[in-house]
Amino acid sequence: MGTVFNIYCDESCHLEHDRQPIMVLGAVWCSLEKTREIASRIREIKTKHRLAPTFEVKWSKVSPGKADFYLELLDYFLDEDDLHFRALIIADKAKLQHEAFAQTHDTWYYKMYFEMLAPLLTRESRYRIYLDWKDTRSALKVRKLHEVLCNNMKDLKCEIIEWVQTVHSHEVEQIQLADLLIGTVSYSNRGLDTNKGKVTLVERARGRSGFNLTWSTSVREKKFNIFRWEAQEPQV
C-alpha cells in the first residue's frame, strides 16, 4: 500500500455536564516518515524559547508572556507541508438528546470521533491513529472505534487502519500541537477575548489560514479542515 500516516487526536470540553456549550474534536496528521523530524523540530522551538524539551504544550497554558512561543509553533504548523489538521465543532451540547437516539454521551462521543476521522481515510494509504489517554475505561470504546472505522473502509484485516490506541499527551509532541490547534478553534467559537495571548493566536490562525474558524471548510481542505456539526432533532 501507499504512504503510512500517523493521526494524533485530542478534544476540548467533551464532558456532558461541564457547562461548556461548545465541544471540539481535532486531529493532526503527518506521514510516518516525517514523524520524528516534526517532533524534533517542536522540541527545538521549545528550547529556543527557554523551555524544557519535555514541556507539555497545552492551550490552557497560553498566556501573553508565552505568546511568541505559541505563535512560532502555530507558524511552524502552517509552514510545514507535511502537517495537517481537522477539527469537528459540536455547536451546542445543550441540544443533544441522547435518550431519543438510544445512546449514552460516551457512545455519542466515539461516534463523533468517527465523524471526525472517517473523511481523512483512503484505501490508498495506511493509518496509525493515536488518541490522548483519558481513563482505563476507554480501552473497549477505542477498540470499537477501530472496528467501526475498519468496517467503513471494508478493511477486514486491519491493513489500512493498522491500529487505534491511546497515548499520553506529554510524551507526544503532535498531540500537544493538536491540543493547541483545537484550543484555537474552540476559543474562537466560544467568542472569548479575555486572554490576549489566546486572542493573538486566533487572529494569526484566521489571517494565515484564510478561514474564520467557526464554519465548515471544504471537505477537501488539507491544512486547516473544519466541520461544524449540528445536533439533529429526533424523528417522531
Foldseek 3Di string as FASTA:
>chain_A
DDFEKEKEKEKDPLDLPPPQFKIKIKIKMFTPVCQVVVLVVLLVLCVVVVHHSLDFQAQVPFAPVCLVSVVVLVVVLLPDPRIAMEMEMEQGSVPDDCVLVVHDSVLVSLVVVCVRPLLVFDPNAAYEYEYADDDPVCPVVQVVSLVVSCVVRVNVPNPRHVGYYYDHRSVGVRNSSRNNVNSLLSCLSSVDDPGPSSVVVVVVCCVSVVDNSHDADPSPDTHYGYHYDYDDDRDD
